Amino acid sequence: MTATRKREIGEIAAPYGRNVKLDEVAYESGMTLLRVTIREGGRFTILEIDAAAAGQWGKMMMEWAQSRSPEE
């Protein structure tokens, strides 16, 4: 699969020097996915997920974040 368009969504500086980058990637077939790139030092983990999976993941992350106290 060759991406025809990539749009940067944002980056997050995570603990312990990790970095999370989000990009929207559109393929020639018409499929558009969210690319999640996690950098840990020299190691990269890349996931491409559809809108349904991104919505579920985002909801779970919001619920977890809202359950934590600000002092943590």
N, C-alpha and C. Protein backbone atom coordinates (compact mmCIF):
# COMPACT_ATOMS: atom_id res chain seq x y z
N MET A 1 0.82 -1.18 0.00
CA MET A 1 0.00 0.00 0.00
C MET A 1 0.87 1.25 0.00
N THR A 2 0.59 2.15 -0.90
CA THR A 2 1.33 3.40 -0.96
C THR A 2 0.41 4.55 -0.56
N ALA A 3 0.84 5.30 0.44
CA ALA A 3 0.05 6.44 0.89
C ALA A 3 0.07 7.53 -0.17
N THR A 4 -1.07 8.15 -0.41
CA THR A 4 -1.12 9.25 -1.36
C THR A 4 -1.11 10.60 -0.64
N ARG A 5 -1.54 10.60 0.63
CA ARG A 5 -1.58 11.86 1.38
C ARG A 5 -1.37 11.57 2.85
N LYS A 6 -0.56 12.40 3.50
CA LYS A 6 -0.37 12.28 4.95
C LYS A 6 -0.54 13.65 5.56
N ARG A 7 -1.38 13.72 6.62
CA ARG A 7 -1.62 14.99 7.31
C ARG A 7 -1.26 14.81 8.78
N GLU A 8 -0.36 15.68 9.25
CA GLU A 8 0.04 15.62 10.66
C GLU A 8 -1.11 16.07 11.54
N ILE A 9 -1.39 15.31 12.58
CA ILE A 9 -2.43 15.67 13.53
C ILE A 9 -1.81 16.26 14.78
N GLY A 10 -0.74 15.64 15.28
CA GLY A 10 -0.07 16.19 16.46
C GLY A 10 0.94 15.23 17.05
N GLU A 11 1.66 15.74 18.04
CA GLU A 11 2.66 14.95 18.75
C GLU A 11 2.49 15.15 20.24
N ILE A 12 2.83 14.11 20.99
CA ILE A 12 2.74 14.15 22.44
C ILE A 12 4.09 13.71 23.01
N ALA A 13 4.66 14.51 23.89
CA ALA A 13 5.86 14.11 24.62
C ALA A 13 5.39 13.28 25.81
N ALA A 14 5.77 12.02 25.83
CA ALA A 14 5.34 11.10 26.88
C ALA A 14 6.48 10.89 27.89
N PRO A 15 6.17 10.34 29.06
CA PRO A 15 7.21 10.11 30.07
C PRO A 15 8.36 9.24 29.55
N TYR A 16 9.50 9.39 30.19
CA TYR A 16 10.70 8.60 29.93
C TYR A 16 11.24 8.79 28.51
N GLY A 17 11.10 9.98 27.96
CA GLY A 17 11.67 10.30 26.65
C GLY A 17 10.93 9.70 25.47
N ARG A 18 9.74 9.21 25.70
CA ARG A 18 8.95 8.64 24.60
C ARG A 18 8.21 9.75 23.87
N ASN A 19 7.87 9.48 22.62
CA ASN A 19 7.15 10.44 21.79
C ASN A 19 6.06 9.70 21.03
N VAL A 20 4.86 10.28 21.01
CA VAL A 20 3.73 9.69 20.28
C VAL A 20 3.32 10.68 19.20
N LYS A 21 3.28 10.22 17.96
CA LYS A 21 2.93 11.08 16.83
C LYS A 21 1.70 10.51 16.15
N LEU A 22 0.75 11.39 15.79
CA LEU A 22 -0.47 10.98 15.10
C LEU A 22 -0.52 11.63 13.73
N ASP A 23 -0.79 10.82 12.70
CA ASP A 23 -0.94 11.30 11.34
C ASP A 23 -2.16 10.66 10.71
N GLU A 24 -2.85 11.40 9.85
CA GLU A 24 -3.91 10.82 9.03
C GLU A 24 -3.27 10.42 7.71
N VAL A 25 -3.48 9.18 7.30
CA VAL A 25 -2.88 8.67 6.07
C VAL A 25 -3.99 8.20 5.14
N ALA A 26 -4.03 8.76 3.93
CA ALA A 26 -5.03 8.38 2.94
C ALA A 26 -4.32 7.59 1.83
N TYR A 27 -4.88 6.45 1.49
CA TYR A 27 -4.31 5.59 0.47
C TYR A 27 -5.03 5.75 -0.85
N GLU A 28 -4.37 5.33 -1.94
CA GLU A 28 -4.95 5.42 -3.28
C GLU A 28 -6.29 4.72 -3.37
N SER A 29 -6.49 3.68 -2.59
CA SER A 29 -7.74 2.91 -2.61
C SER A 29 -8.92 3.70 -2.05
N GLY A 30 -8.64 4.82 -1.38
CA GLY A 30 -9.68 5.62 -0.74
C GLY A 30 -9.77 5.39 0.76
N MET A 31 -9.02 4.41 1.26
CA MET A 31 -9.02 4.11 2.69
C MET A 31 -8.20 5.17 3.43
N THR A 32 -8.75 5.69 4.53
CA THR A 32 -8.05 6.67 5.37
C THR A 32 -7.92 6.08 6.77
N LEU A 33 -6.70 6.08 7.29
CA LEU A 33 -6.41 5.50 8.60
C LEU A 33 -5.66 6.50 9.47
N LEU A 34 -5.70 6.25 10.76
CA LEU A 34 -4.91 7.01 11.73
C LEU A 34 -3.63 6.24 11.98
N ARG A 35 -2.50 6.87 11.73
CA ARG A 35 -1.20 6.24 11.98
C ARG A 35 -0.68 6.74 13.32
N VAL A 36 -0.43 5.82 14.23
CA VAL A 36 0.10 6.12 15.55
C VAL A 36 1.55 5.63 15.56
N THR A 37 2.49 6.55 15.73
CA THR A 37 3.90 6.19 15.78
C THR A 37 4.42 6.48 17.18
N ILE A 38 4.92 5.45 17.84
CA ILE A 38 5.47 5.58 19.19
C ILE A 38 6.97 5.40 19.09
N ARG A 39 7.72 6.42 19.51
CA ARG A 39 9.19 6.34 19.49
C ARG A 39 9.68 6.17 20.91
N GLU A 40 10.50 5.14 21.10
CA GLU A 40 11.14 4.88 22.39
C GLU A 40 12.63 4.75 22.11
N GLY A 41 13.35 5.85 22.28
CA GLY A 41 14.78 5.84 21.93
C GLY A 41 14.91 5.62 20.43
N GLY A 42 15.61 4.55 20.03
CA GLY A 42 15.78 4.24 18.61
C GLY A 42 14.74 3.28 18.07
N ARG A 43 13.81 2.89 18.91
CA ARG A 43 12.80 1.91 18.51
C ARG A 43 11.49 2.60 18.15
N PHE A 44 10.86 2.17 17.07
CA PHE A 44 9.58 2.72 16.63
C PHE A 44 8.54 1.63 16.58
N THR A 45 7.33 1.94 17.04
CA THR A 45 6.17 1.08 16.88
C THR A 45 5.15 1.88 16.10
N ILE A 46 4.66 1.31 14.98
CA ILE A 46 3.72 2.01 14.13
C ILE A 46 2.45 1.19 13.99
N LEU A 47 1.32 1.82 14.32
CA LEU A 47 0.01 1.19 14.18
C LEU A 47 -0.83 2.04 13.25
N GLU A 48 -1.60 1.40 12.39
CA GLU A 48 -2.59 2.12 11.59
C GLU A 48 -3.95 1.55 11.93
N ILE A 49 -4.85 2.43 12.38
CA ILE A 49 -6.16 1.98 12.82
C ILE A 49 -7.26 2.78 12.12
N ASP A 50 -8.44 2.17 12.02
CA ASP A 50 -9.57 2.85 11.39
C ASP A 50 -10.27 3.75 12.39
N ALA A 51 -11.27 4.50 11.91
CA ALA A 51 -11.97 5.47 12.75
C ALA A 51 -12.69 4.80 13.92
N ALA A 52 -13.27 3.62 13.69
CA ALA A 52 -13.99 2.93 14.77
C ALA A 52 -13.03 2.54 15.90
N ALA A 53 -11.88 1.98 15.54
CA ALA A 53 -10.90 1.60 16.56
C ALA A 53 -10.34 2.83 17.26
N ALA A 54 -10.10 3.91 16.52
CA ALA A 54 -9.60 5.15 17.12
C ALA A 54 -10.60 5.71 18.11
N GLY A 55 -11.88 5.65 17.77
CA GLY A 55 -12.92 6.13 18.67
C GLY A 55 -12.98 5.33 19.96
N GLN A 56 -12.90 4.01 19.85
CA GLN A 56 -12.91 3.16 21.04
C GLN A 56 -11.68 3.42 21.91
N TRP A 57 -10.53 3.50 21.27
CA TRP A 57 -9.28 3.74 21.98
C TRP A 57 -9.34 5.10 22.70
N GLY A 58 -9.78 6.12 21.97
CA GLY A 58 -9.87 7.46 22.55
C GLY A 58 -10.82 7.50 23.74
N LYS A 59 -11.95 6.82 23.63
CA LYS A 59 -12.93 6.78 24.73
C LYS A 59 -12.32 6.12 25.96
N MET A 60 -11.65 5.00 25.76
CA MET A 60 -11.02 4.31 26.90
C MET A 60 -9.94 5.17 27.54
N MET A 61 -9.16 5.88 26.73
CA MET A 61 -8.11 6.73 27.27
C MET A 61 -8.70 7.90 28.05
N MET A 62 -9.78 8.51 27.54
CA MET A 62 -10.43 9.61 28.25
C MET A 62 -11.00 9.15 29.58
N GLU A 63 -11.65 7.98 29.59
CA GLU A 63 -12.21 7.46 30.84
C GLU A 63 -11.11 7.22 31.86
N TRP A 64 -9.99 6.66 31.42
CA TRP A 64 -8.88 6.41 32.33
C TRP A 64 -8.32 7.74 32.85
N ALA A 65 -8.08 8.69 31.95
CA ALA A 65 -7.50 9.98 32.35
C ALA A 65 -8.41 10.72 33.33
N GLN A 66 -9.71 10.67 33.10
CA GLN A 66 -10.64 11.35 33.98
C GLN A 66 -10.77 10.68 35.35
N SER A 67 -10.39 9.42 35.44
CA SER A 67 -10.47 8.70 36.72
C SER A 67 -9.24 8.95 37.60
N ARG A 68 -8.20 9.59 37.05
CA ARG A 68 -6.97 9.83 37.80
C ARG A 68 -7.09 11.17 38.51
N SER A 69 -6.46 11.29 39.67
CA SER A 69 -6.45 12.58 40.37
C SER A 69 -5.38 13.46 39.75
N PRO A 70 -5.53 14.80 39.80
CA PRO A 70 -4.56 15.72 39.22
C PRO A 70 -3.16 15.59 39.83
N GLU A 71 -3.08 15.10 41.08
CA GLU A 71 -1.79 15.01 41.76
C GLU A 71 -0.95 13.85 41.27
N GLU A 72 -1.54 12.90 40.56
CA GLU A 72 -0.80 11.70 40.13
C GLU A 72 0.14 12.03 39.00
